[in-house]
Amino acid sequence: MVFVFVSLIFLLFDITVTDLKIDILFDFVGWAFMFFGVNRLSKNHKSLIKLKPATAVMIVLNLAYVVLKLTVFLHHNSLIFISDLIYSALKVLCLSAVLLMIFKQEELVKDRSSLYRAKNIWLLYLLLWAAYMAYAAFIEKHIPKAVGNSITQVLIIATIFIEVLFLIMIYRIKKECLNRDI
């Protein structure tokens, strides 16, 4: 569970420093941690073995995505936006599948209310993510820039709050798992 927790730090928080929006907390490192976490958890929970190929594919996919952004898409803002949208959707779908499969392993944690809360917080995160994607794709260009900037800031702050709350819940679950040698 430690690897899963660390992977979420890399996968949930995107800190970018260039116009290309290259994340300095590289997602492929997060996917590698997720792969090792799923591998470790699958020793006790055989149904999680199905997740290993998905996490391995996401490592390769993210590396290809970063290389494409640094080479091919360097001067094509529309291609960067489309590639960001596609990768983000794949990332959220795969991460959701992994997390929901882990959440189904109720024997992982005695306090099932923690799993229930974490699942609900994740669903709220998905709702915020979908709202931001819809806003960026369809609405942002049709409203005044000042209003758009305000909406973007509110969505980003709300998302960061939910991500931190989710990490706190996963940390509690991880702590309980460590106490039980999982």
N, C-alpha and C. Protein backbone atom coordinates (compact mmCIF):
# COMPACT_ATOMS: atom_id res chain seq x y z
N MET A 1 0.82 -1.20 0.00
CA MET A 1 0.00 0.00 0.00
C MET A 1 0.87 1.26 0.00
N VAL A 2 2.11 1.14 0.47
CA VAL A 2 3.02 2.29 0.48
C VAL A 2 3.28 2.76 -0.95
N PHE A 3 3.53 1.80 -1.85
CA PHE A 3 3.79 2.17 -3.25
C PHE A 3 2.59 2.85 -3.88
N VAL A 4 1.40 2.37 -3.56
CA VAL A 4 0.17 2.97 -4.12
C VAL A 4 0.05 4.40 -3.62
N PHE A 5 0.31 4.63 -2.34
CA PHE A 5 0.23 5.97 -1.77
C PHE A 5 1.22 6.92 -2.46
N VAL A 6 2.46 6.49 -2.59
CA VAL A 6 3.49 7.32 -3.22
C VAL A 6 3.13 7.58 -4.69
N SER A 7 2.60 6.56 -5.37
CA SER A 7 2.23 6.75 -6.77
C SER A 7 1.17 7.82 -6.93
N LEU A 8 0.25 7.89 -5.97
CA LEU A 8 -0.82 8.89 -6.05
C LEU A 8 -0.28 10.31 -5.95
N ILE A 9 0.78 10.49 -5.20
CA ILE A 9 1.40 11.82 -5.11
C ILE A 9 1.90 12.25 -6.49
N PHE A 10 2.56 11.32 -7.20
CA PHE A 10 3.07 11.63 -8.53
C PHE A 10 1.94 11.79 -9.55
N LEU A 11 0.90 10.98 -9.43
CA LEU A 11 -0.15 10.97 -10.45
C LEU A 11 -1.20 12.05 -10.26
N LEU A 12 -1.48 12.42 -9.03
CA LEU A 12 -2.53 13.40 -8.79
C LEU A 12 -2.06 14.84 -8.93
N PHE A 13 -0.85 15.11 -8.52
CA PHE A 13 -0.37 16.49 -8.53
C PHE A 13 0.47 16.75 -9.78
N ASP A 14 0.01 17.69 -10.57
CA ASP A 14 0.72 18.08 -11.79
C ASP A 14 1.32 19.45 -11.57
N ILE A 15 2.64 19.48 -11.49
CA ILE A 15 3.36 20.73 -11.32
C ILE A 15 4.13 20.97 -12.62
N THR A 16 3.73 22.00 -13.35
CA THR A 16 4.33 22.26 -14.65
C THR A 16 5.14 23.55 -14.61
N VAL A 17 6.20 23.56 -15.43
CA VAL A 17 7.08 24.73 -15.43
C VAL A 17 7.32 25.31 -16.81
N THR A 18 6.73 24.73 -17.84
CA THR A 18 6.96 25.24 -19.19
C THR A 18 5.63 25.44 -19.90
N ASP A 19 5.68 26.08 -21.04
CA ASP A 19 4.48 26.25 -21.86
C ASP A 19 3.95 24.92 -22.36
N LEU A 20 4.83 23.92 -22.46
CA LEU A 20 4.41 22.60 -22.92
C LEU A 20 3.64 21.84 -21.84
N LYS A 21 3.65 22.38 -20.64
CA LYS A 21 2.97 21.75 -19.51
C LYS A 21 3.53 20.36 -19.23
N ILE A 22 4.85 20.26 -19.16
CA ILE A 22 5.52 19.02 -18.79
C ILE A 22 5.53 18.96 -17.26
N ASP A 23 4.99 17.90 -16.73
CA ASP A 23 4.86 17.71 -15.29
C ASP A 23 6.22 17.35 -14.69
N ILE A 24 6.67 18.10 -13.67
CA ILE A 24 7.97 17.78 -13.07
C ILE A 24 7.86 16.61 -12.08
N LEU A 25 6.65 16.27 -11.65
CA LEU A 25 6.43 15.03 -10.91
C LEU A 25 5.99 14.00 -11.97
N PHE A 26 6.96 13.44 -12.65
CA PHE A 26 6.69 12.62 -13.83
C PHE A 26 5.69 11.50 -13.52
N ASP A 27 4.67 11.43 -14.36
CA ASP A 27 3.64 10.41 -14.19
C ASP A 27 4.19 9.00 -14.38
N PHE A 28 5.20 8.82 -15.25
CA PHE A 28 5.71 7.46 -15.45
C PHE A 28 6.34 6.93 -14.17
N VAL A 29 6.88 7.81 -13.33
CA VAL A 29 7.40 7.38 -12.02
C VAL A 29 6.22 6.95 -11.14
N GLY A 30 5.14 7.72 -11.17
CA GLY A 30 3.95 7.34 -10.42
C GLY A 30 3.38 6.02 -10.88
N TRP A 31 3.34 5.82 -12.21
CA TRP A 31 2.83 4.54 -12.72
C TRP A 31 3.74 3.39 -12.34
N ALA A 32 5.05 3.65 -12.29
CA ALA A 32 5.98 2.59 -11.86
C ALA A 32 5.72 2.23 -10.39
N PHE A 33 5.53 3.24 -9.54
CA PHE A 33 5.19 2.96 -8.15
C PHE A 33 3.87 2.21 -8.05
N MET A 34 2.89 2.60 -8.88
CA MET A 34 1.60 1.91 -8.88
C MET A 34 1.78 0.45 -9.31
N PHE A 35 2.61 0.22 -10.32
CA PHE A 35 2.87 -1.14 -10.77
C PHE A 35 3.43 -1.99 -9.62
N PHE A 36 4.43 -1.45 -8.91
CA PHE A 36 5.02 -2.20 -7.81
C PHE A 36 4.02 -2.38 -6.66
N GLY A 37 3.21 -1.36 -6.43
CA GLY A 37 2.19 -1.47 -5.38
C GLY A 37 1.16 -2.53 -5.71
N VAL A 38 0.68 -2.54 -6.94
CA VAL A 38 -0.30 -3.54 -7.37
C VAL A 38 0.34 -4.92 -7.34
N ASN A 39 1.59 -5.01 -7.76
CA ASN A 39 2.30 -6.30 -7.73
C ASN A 39 2.38 -6.83 -6.31
N ARG A 40 2.71 -5.96 -5.39
CA ARG A 40 2.82 -6.38 -3.98
C ARG A 40 1.46 -6.76 -3.39
N LEU A 41 0.44 -5.96 -3.67
CA LEU A 41 -0.90 -6.26 -3.15
C LEU A 41 -1.48 -7.52 -3.79
N SER A 42 -1.11 -7.80 -5.04
CA SER A 42 -1.67 -8.96 -5.73
C SER A 42 -1.17 -10.28 -5.15
N LYS A 43 -0.12 -10.25 -4.36
CA LYS A 43 0.35 -11.48 -3.71
C LYS A 43 -0.68 -12.00 -2.73
N ASN A 44 -1.39 -11.08 -2.06
CA ASN A 44 -2.43 -11.47 -1.11
C ASN A 44 -3.83 -11.39 -1.69
N HIS A 45 -3.98 -10.63 -2.75
CA HIS A 45 -5.30 -10.40 -3.37
C HIS A 45 -5.17 -10.69 -4.86
N LYS A 46 -5.40 -11.92 -5.24
CA LYS A 46 -5.16 -12.39 -6.61
C LYS A 46 -5.94 -11.62 -7.68
N SER A 47 -7.08 -11.06 -7.33
CA SER A 47 -7.87 -10.34 -8.34
C SER A 47 -7.16 -9.07 -8.82
N LEU A 48 -6.18 -8.59 -8.07
CA LEU A 48 -5.46 -7.38 -8.47
C LEU A 48 -4.39 -7.64 -9.53
N ILE A 49 -4.12 -8.91 -9.83
CA ILE A 49 -3.14 -9.24 -10.87
C ILE A 49 -3.57 -8.65 -12.21
N LYS A 50 -4.87 -8.54 -12.43
CA LYS A 50 -5.41 -7.99 -13.69
C LYS A 50 -4.95 -6.55 -13.92
N LEU A 51 -4.58 -5.84 -12.86
CA LEU A 51 -4.21 -4.43 -12.97
C LEU A 51 -2.76 -4.22 -13.42
N LYS A 52 -1.93 -5.23 -13.27
CA LYS A 52 -0.52 -5.07 -13.62
C LYS A 52 -0.30 -4.68 -15.08
N PRO A 53 -0.95 -5.33 -16.04
CA PRO A 53 -0.73 -4.91 -17.43
C PRO A 53 -1.17 -3.47 -17.69
N ALA A 54 -2.26 -3.05 -17.09
CA ALA A 54 -2.74 -1.68 -17.30
C ALA A 54 -1.73 -0.67 -16.78
N THR A 55 -1.16 -0.92 -15.61
CA THR A 55 -0.19 0.03 -15.07
C THR A 55 1.10 0.01 -15.90
N ALA A 56 1.49 -1.16 -16.40
CA ALA A 56 2.68 -1.24 -17.26
C ALA A 56 2.46 -0.47 -18.56
N VAL A 57 1.28 -0.61 -19.14
CA VAL A 57 0.96 0.12 -20.37
C VAL A 57 0.98 1.62 -20.11
N MET A 58 0.50 2.05 -18.97
CA MET A 58 0.49 3.49 -18.65
C MET A 58 1.90 4.05 -18.48
N ILE A 59 2.83 3.24 -18.01
CA ILE A 59 4.23 3.69 -17.93
C ILE A 59 4.74 4.00 -19.33
N VAL A 60 4.56 3.06 -20.24
CA VAL A 60 5.02 3.22 -21.62
C VAL A 60 4.28 4.37 -22.30
N LEU A 61 2.97 4.42 -22.12
CA LEU A 61 2.15 5.46 -22.73
C LEU A 61 2.59 6.85 -22.26
N ASN A 62 2.87 6.98 -20.97
CA ASN A 62 3.30 8.29 -20.47
C ASN A 62 4.66 8.68 -21.02
N LEU A 63 5.58 7.73 -21.10
CA LEU A 63 6.89 8.05 -21.67
C LEU A 63 6.74 8.50 -23.13
N ALA A 64 5.92 7.81 -23.90
CA ALA A 64 5.69 8.20 -25.30
C ALA A 64 5.04 9.58 -25.37
N TYR A 65 4.10 9.83 -24.49
CA TYR A 65 3.39 11.12 -24.44
C TYR A 65 4.37 12.27 -24.17
N VAL A 66 5.27 12.08 -23.22
CA VAL A 66 6.25 13.13 -22.89
C VAL A 66 7.20 13.36 -24.07
N VAL A 67 7.66 12.28 -24.69
CA VAL A 67 8.56 12.42 -25.84
C VAL A 67 7.85 13.15 -26.98
N LEU A 68 6.60 12.79 -27.26
CA LEU A 68 5.84 13.48 -28.31
C LEU A 68 5.68 14.97 -28.00
N LYS A 69 5.40 15.29 -26.76
CA LYS A 69 5.24 16.71 -26.39
C LYS A 69 6.53 17.48 -26.58
N LEU A 70 7.65 16.84 -26.29
CA LEU A 70 8.94 17.51 -26.39
C LEU A 70 9.46 17.61 -27.82
N THR A 71 8.95 16.79 -28.71
CA THR A 71 9.47 16.80 -30.08
C THR A 71 8.40 17.23 -31.09
N VAL A 72 7.44 16.41 -31.33
CA VAL A 72 6.46 16.62 -32.40
C VAL A 72 5.55 17.80 -32.12
N PHE A 73 5.03 17.91 -30.89
CA PHE A 73 4.01 18.90 -30.59
C PHE A 73 4.58 20.25 -30.14
N LEU A 74 5.88 20.39 -30.21
CA LEU A 74 6.56 21.55 -29.65
C LEU A 74 5.94 22.88 -30.06
N HIS A 75 5.53 23.02 -31.30
CA HIS A 75 5.00 24.29 -31.76
C HIS A 75 3.55 24.21 -32.23
N HIS A 76 2.82 23.24 -31.74
CA HIS A 76 1.43 23.04 -32.15
C HIS A 76 0.54 23.02 -30.91
N ASN A 77 0.04 24.19 -30.52
CA ASN A 77 -0.78 24.28 -29.31
C ASN A 77 -2.03 23.42 -29.37
N SER A 78 -2.65 23.32 -30.54
CA SER A 78 -3.87 22.52 -30.63
C SER A 78 -3.56 21.04 -30.43
N LEU A 79 -2.41 20.58 -30.95
CA LEU A 79 -2.01 19.18 -30.74
C LEU A 79 -1.68 18.93 -29.27
N ILE A 80 -1.06 19.91 -28.62
CA ILE A 80 -0.75 19.76 -27.20
C ILE A 80 -2.05 19.64 -26.41
N PHE A 81 -3.04 20.48 -26.71
CA PHE A 81 -4.31 20.43 -26.00
C PHE A 81 -4.99 19.08 -26.20
N ILE A 82 -5.04 18.61 -27.43
CA ILE A 82 -5.69 17.33 -27.72
C ILE A 82 -4.95 16.18 -27.05
N SER A 83 -3.61 16.19 -27.13
CA SER A 83 -2.84 15.12 -26.50
C SER A 83 -3.00 15.15 -24.98
N ASP A 84 -3.04 16.36 -24.40
CA ASP A 84 -3.27 16.48 -22.95
C ASP A 84 -4.63 15.91 -22.57
N LEU A 85 -5.63 16.21 -23.36
CA LEU A 85 -6.98 15.73 -23.10
C LEU A 85 -7.05 14.21 -23.18
N ILE A 86 -6.46 13.64 -24.23
CA ILE A 86 -6.49 12.18 -24.41
C ILE A 86 -5.71 11.50 -23.30
N TYR A 87 -4.49 11.98 -23.03
CA TYR A 87 -3.69 11.34 -21.97
C TYR A 87 -4.38 11.48 -20.62
N SER A 88 -4.92 12.65 -20.33
CA SER A 88 -5.59 12.88 -19.06
C SER A 88 -6.78 11.93 -18.89
N ALA A 89 -7.54 11.73 -19.96
CA ALA A 89 -8.69 10.82 -19.90
C ALA A 89 -8.22 9.38 -19.65
N LEU A 90 -7.18 8.95 -20.36
CA LEU A 90 -6.65 7.60 -20.15
C LEU A 90 -6.10 7.43 -18.75
N LYS A 91 -5.41 8.45 -18.27
CA LYS A 91 -4.83 8.41 -16.92
C LYS A 91 -5.93 8.28 -15.87
N VAL A 92 -6.96 9.09 -15.98
CA VAL A 92 -8.03 9.07 -14.99
C VAL A 92 -8.81 7.76 -15.06
N LEU A 93 -9.05 7.25 -16.27
CA LEU A 93 -9.76 5.98 -16.41
C LEU A 93 -8.97 4.82 -15.80
N CYS A 94 -7.69 4.76 -16.13
CA CYS A 94 -6.86 3.67 -15.60
C CYS A 94 -6.70 3.80 -14.08
N LEU A 95 -6.44 5.00 -13.62
CA LEU A 95 -6.30 5.22 -12.18
C LEU A 95 -7.60 4.88 -11.45
N SER A 96 -8.72 5.23 -12.03
CA SER A 96 -10.02 4.90 -11.42
C SER A 96 -10.21 3.40 -11.35
N ALA A 97 -9.88 2.70 -12.42
CA ALA A 97 -10.01 1.24 -12.43
C ALA A 97 -9.14 0.62 -11.34
N VAL A 98 -7.90 1.08 -11.25
CA VAL A 98 -6.99 0.55 -10.22
C VAL A 98 -7.53 0.82 -8.82
N LEU A 99 -7.91 2.07 -8.58
CA LEU A 99 -8.38 2.42 -7.23
C LEU A 99 -9.68 1.71 -6.88
N LEU A 100 -10.61 1.62 -7.81
CA LEU A 100 -11.87 0.96 -7.50
C LEU A 100 -11.67 -0.53 -7.26
N MET A 101 -10.72 -1.16 -7.98
CA MET A 101 -10.41 -2.57 -7.71
C MET A 101 -9.79 -2.73 -6.32
N ILE A 102 -8.94 -1.79 -5.95
CA ILE A 102 -8.34 -1.85 -4.61
C ILE A 102 -9.41 -1.62 -3.55
N PHE A 103 -10.33 -0.67 -3.81
CA PHE A 103 -11.39 -0.39 -2.85
C PHE A 103 -12.32 -1.59 -2.66
N LYS A 104 -12.42 -2.45 -3.67
CA LYS A 104 -13.26 -3.64 -3.55
C LYS A 104 -12.65 -4.69 -2.61
N GLN A 105 -11.37 -4.55 -2.34
CA GLN A 105 -10.68 -5.49 -1.44
C GLN A 105 -10.96 -5.09 0.01
N GLU A 106 -12.17 -5.32 0.43
CA GLU A 106 -12.59 -4.84 1.75
C GLU A 106 -11.80 -5.47 2.89
N GLU A 107 -11.21 -6.65 2.66
CA GLU A 107 -10.43 -7.27 3.72
C GLU A 107 -9.09 -6.57 3.94
N LEU A 108 -8.74 -5.63 3.06
CA LEU A 108 -7.52 -4.85 3.25
C LEU A 108 -7.56 -4.03 4.54
N VAL A 109 -8.73 -3.50 4.84
CA VAL A 109 -8.86 -2.56 5.94
C VAL A 109 -10.04 -2.97 6.81
N LYS A 110 -9.80 -2.99 8.11
CA LYS A 110 -10.90 -3.32 9.03
C LYS A 110 -11.96 -2.22 9.04
N ASP A 111 -11.50 -0.99 9.03
CA ASP A 111 -12.42 0.15 9.05
C ASP A 111 -12.92 0.40 7.63
N ARG A 112 -14.02 -0.24 7.26
CA ARG A 112 -14.53 -0.11 5.91
C ARG A 112 -15.07 1.28 5.62
N SER A 113 -15.35 2.04 6.66
CA SER A 113 -15.82 3.41 6.43
C SER A 113 -14.71 4.25 5.78
N SER A 114 -13.44 3.94 6.06
CA SER A 114 -12.33 4.65 5.40
C SER A 114 -12.34 4.37 3.91
N LEU A 115 -12.56 3.12 3.54
CA LEU A 115 -12.64 2.77 2.12
C LEU A 115 -13.83 3.47 1.46
N TYR A 116 -14.94 3.49 2.16
CA TYR A 116 -16.15 4.13 1.63
C TYR A 116 -15.91 5.63 1.42
N ARG A 117 -15.29 6.28 2.41
CA ARG A 117 -14.99 7.71 2.28
C ARG A 117 -14.01 7.97 1.14
N ALA A 118 -12.96 7.15 1.06
CA ALA A 118 -11.98 7.33 0.00
C ALA A 118 -12.64 7.17 -1.37
N LYS A 119 -13.51 6.18 -1.50
CA LYS A 119 -14.21 5.97 -2.78
C LYS A 119 -15.08 7.17 -3.12
N ASN A 120 -15.79 7.71 -2.15
CA ASN A 120 -16.65 8.87 -2.39
C ASN A 120 -15.83 10.12 -2.72
N ILE A 121 -14.70 10.29 -2.06
CA ILE A 121 -13.83 11.43 -2.38
C ILE A 121 -13.28 11.28 -3.79
N TRP A 122 -12.93 10.04 -4.17
CA TRP A 122 -12.44 9.82 -5.53
C TRP A 122 -13.54 10.14 -6.55
N LEU A 123 -14.75 9.76 -6.27
CA LEU A 123 -15.86 10.07 -7.18
C LEU A 123 -16.07 11.58 -7.29
N LEU A 124 -15.89 12.30 -6.21
CA LEU A 124 -15.97 13.76 -6.25
C LEU A 124 -14.83 14.33 -7.10
N TYR A 125 -13.64 13.75 -6.95
CA TYR A 125 -12.51 14.16 -7.78
C TYR A 125 -12.84 13.96 -9.27
N LEU A 126 -13.42 12.81 -9.60
CA LEU A 126 -13.79 12.53 -10.99
C LEU A 126 -14.79 13.56 -11.51
N LEU A 127 -15.72 13.94 -10.67
CA LEU A 127 -16.71 14.95 -11.06
C LEU A 127 -16.03 16.29 -11.34
N LEU A 128 -15.11 16.70 -10.47
CA LEU A 128 -14.37 17.95 -10.68
C LEU A 128 -13.50 17.86 -11.94
N TRP A 129 -12.86 16.72 -12.14
CA TRP A 129 -12.03 16.54 -13.32
C TRP A 129 -12.88 16.67 -14.59
N ALA A 130 -14.02 16.01 -14.60
CA ALA A 130 -14.92 16.07 -15.77
C ALA A 130 -15.40 17.50 -16.00
N ALA A 131 -15.71 18.21 -14.92
CA ALA A 131 -16.15 19.60 -15.04
C ALA A 131 -15.05 20.46 -15.64
N TYR A 132 -13.83 20.27 -15.20
CA TYR A 132 -12.71 21.05 -15.73
C TYR A 132 -12.47 20.73 -17.20
N MET A 133 -12.51 19.45 -17.55
CA MET A 133 -12.29 19.06 -18.95
C MET A 133 -13.39 19.64 -19.85
N ALA A 134 -14.62 19.57 -19.41
CA ALA A 134 -15.73 20.13 -20.20
C ALA A 134 -15.57 21.64 -20.33
N TYR A 135 -15.20 22.27 -19.24
CA TYR A 135 -14.98 23.72 -19.26
C TYR A 135 -13.86 24.08 -20.23
N ALA A 136 -12.72 23.40 -20.14
CA ALA A 136 -11.56 23.71 -20.99
C ALA A 136 -11.85 23.44 -22.46
N ALA A 137 -12.60 22.40 -22.73
CA ALA A 137 -12.86 22.02 -24.12
C ALA A 137 -13.98 22.84 -24.78
N PHE A 138 -15.01 23.19 -24.01
CA PHE A 138 -16.20 23.77 -24.64
C PHE A 138 -16.57 25.19 -24.20
N ILE A 139 -16.19 25.59 -23.02
CA ILE A 139 -16.71 26.84 -22.47
C ILE A 139 -15.68 27.96 -22.43
N GLU A 140 -14.46 27.63 -22.08
CA GLU A 140 -13.41 28.62 -21.81
C GLU A 140 -13.25 29.66 -22.93
N LYS A 141 -13.33 29.23 -24.16
CA LYS A 141 -13.10 30.15 -25.29
C LYS A 141 -14.28 31.09 -25.54
N HIS A 142 -15.41 30.82 -24.92
CA HIS A 142 -16.63 31.59 -25.20
C HIS A 142 -17.02 32.57 -24.09
N ILE A 143 -16.16 32.73 -23.11
CA ILE A 143 -16.47 33.67 -22.02
C ILE A 143 -15.31 34.65 -21.89
N PRO A 144 -15.55 35.80 -21.24
CA PRO A 144 -14.45 36.77 -21.06
C PRO A 144 -13.28 36.16 -20.29
N LYS A 145 -12.09 36.59 -20.65
CA LYS A 145 -10.87 36.02 -20.07
C LYS A 145 -10.83 36.14 -18.54
N ALA A 146 -11.25 37.26 -17.98
CA ALA A 146 -11.22 37.45 -16.52
C ALA A 146 -12.14 36.44 -15.83
N VAL A 147 -13.31 36.24 -16.39
CA VAL A 147 -14.25 35.26 -15.82
C VAL A 147 -13.67 33.86 -15.95
N GLY A 148 -13.10 33.58 -17.13
CA GLY A 148 -12.48 32.28 -17.36
C GLY A 148 -11.36 31.98 -16.40
N ASN A 149 -10.51 32.99 -16.14
CA ASN A 149 -9.41 32.81 -15.18
C ASN A 149 -9.95 32.53 -13.78
N SER A 150 -11.01 33.21 -13.41
CA SER A 150 -11.60 32.99 -12.08
C SER A 150 -12.17 31.58 -11.96
N ILE A 151 -12.87 31.13 -12.98
CA ILE A 151 -13.43 29.78 -12.97
C ILE A 151 -12.32 28.74 -12.91
N THR A 152 -11.28 28.95 -13.70
CA THR A 152 -10.14 28.03 -13.69
C THR A 152 -9.51 27.95 -12.31
N GLN A 153 -9.31 29.10 -11.67
CA GLN A 153 -8.71 29.11 -10.34
C GLN A 153 -9.58 28.39 -9.32
N VAL A 154 -10.89 28.60 -9.38
CA VAL A 154 -11.80 27.93 -8.44
C VAL A 154 -11.74 26.42 -8.65
N LEU A 155 -11.78 25.98 -9.91
CA LEU A 155 -11.72 24.55 -10.19
C LEU A 155 -10.39 23.94 -9.75
N ILE A 156 -9.30 24.65 -9.97
CA ILE A 156 -7.98 24.14 -9.57
C ILE A 156 -7.88 24.05 -8.04
N ILE A 157 -8.32 25.08 -7.34
CA ILE A 157 -8.27 25.06 -5.87
C ILE A 157 -9.14 23.95 -5.32
N ALA A 158 -10.35 23.79 -5.87
CA ALA A 158 -11.24 22.72 -5.42
C ALA A 158 -10.62 21.35 -5.68
N THR A 159 -10.00 21.20 -6.84
CA THR A 159 -9.37 19.92 -7.17
C THR A 159 -8.20 19.62 -6.25
N ILE A 160 -7.37 20.60 -5.98
CA ILE A 160 -6.25 20.39 -5.06
C ILE A 160 -6.75 20.02 -3.67
N PHE A 161 -7.80 20.68 -3.21
CA PHE A 161 -8.38 20.36 -1.90
C PHE A 161 -8.85 18.90 -1.88
N ILE A 162 -9.55 18.48 -2.91
CA ILE A 162 -10.05 17.11 -2.98
C ILE A 162 -8.89 16.12 -3.08
N GLU A 163 -7.86 16.45 -3.85
CA GLU A 163 -6.70 15.57 -3.96
C GLU A 163 -6.01 15.39 -2.61
N VAL A 164 -5.84 16.47 -1.87
CA VAL A 164 -5.21 16.39 -0.55
C VAL A 164 -6.09 15.57 0.39
N LEU A 165 -7.38 15.81 0.38
CA LEU A 165 -8.31 15.04 1.21
C LEU A 165 -8.24 13.56 0.86
N PHE A 166 -8.19 13.26 -0.43
CA PHE A 166 -8.10 11.87 -0.87
C PHE A 166 -6.79 11.24 -0.39
N LEU A 167 -5.68 11.96 -0.51
CA LEU A 167 -4.40 11.43 -0.05
C LEU A 167 -4.40 11.18 1.46
N ILE A 168 -5.07 12.04 2.21
CA ILE A 168 -5.19 11.82 3.66
C ILE A 168 -5.93 10.51 3.94
N MET A 169 -7.02 10.27 3.19
CA MET A 169 -7.77 9.03 3.38
C MET A 169 -6.92 7.82 2.99
N ILE A 170 -6.21 7.91 1.88
CA ILE A 170 -5.34 6.79 1.46
C ILE A 170 -4.21 6.60 2.45
N TYR A 171 -3.70 7.68 3.02
CA TYR A 171 -2.64 7.56 4.04
C TYR A 171 -3.17 6.80 5.25
N ARG A 172 -4.38 7.10 5.67
CA ARG A 172 -4.97 6.37 6.80
C ARG A 172 -5.12 4.89 6.47
N ILE A 173 -5.56 4.59 5.27
CA ILE A 173 -5.71 3.20 4.85
C ILE A 173 -4.34 2.53 4.80
N LYS A 174 -3.35 3.23 4.24
CA LYS A 174 -1.98 2.71 4.16
C LYS A 174 -1.43 2.42 5.55
N LYS A 175 -1.70 3.33 6.48
CA LYS A 175 -1.21 3.16 7.85
C LYS A 175 -1.81 1.90 8.49
N GLU A 176 -3.09 1.70 8.27
CA GLU A 176 -3.73 0.50 8.82
C GLU A 176 -3.17 -0.76 8.17
N CYS A 177 -2.90 -0.69 6.86
CA CYS A 177 -2.33 -1.84 6.16
C CYS A 177 -0.93 -2.16 6.66
N LEU A 178 -0.14 -1.11 6.94
CA LEU A 178 1.20 -1.33 7.48
C LEU A 178 1.16 -2.00 8.83
N ASN A 179 0.17 -1.64 9.63
CA ASN A 179 0.02 -2.27 10.94
C ASN A 179 -0.34 -3.74 10.83
N ARG A 180 -0.86 -4.14 9.65
CA ARG A 180 -1.26 -5.52 9.43
C ARG A 180 -0.30 -6.23 8.48
N ASP A 181 0.85 -5.61 8.16
CA ASP A 181 1.87 -6.18 7.27
C ASP A 181 1.34 -6.53 5.89
N ILE A 182 0.62 -5.60 5.27
CA ILE A 182 0.15 -5.81 3.90
C ILE A 182 0.97 -4.93 2.99
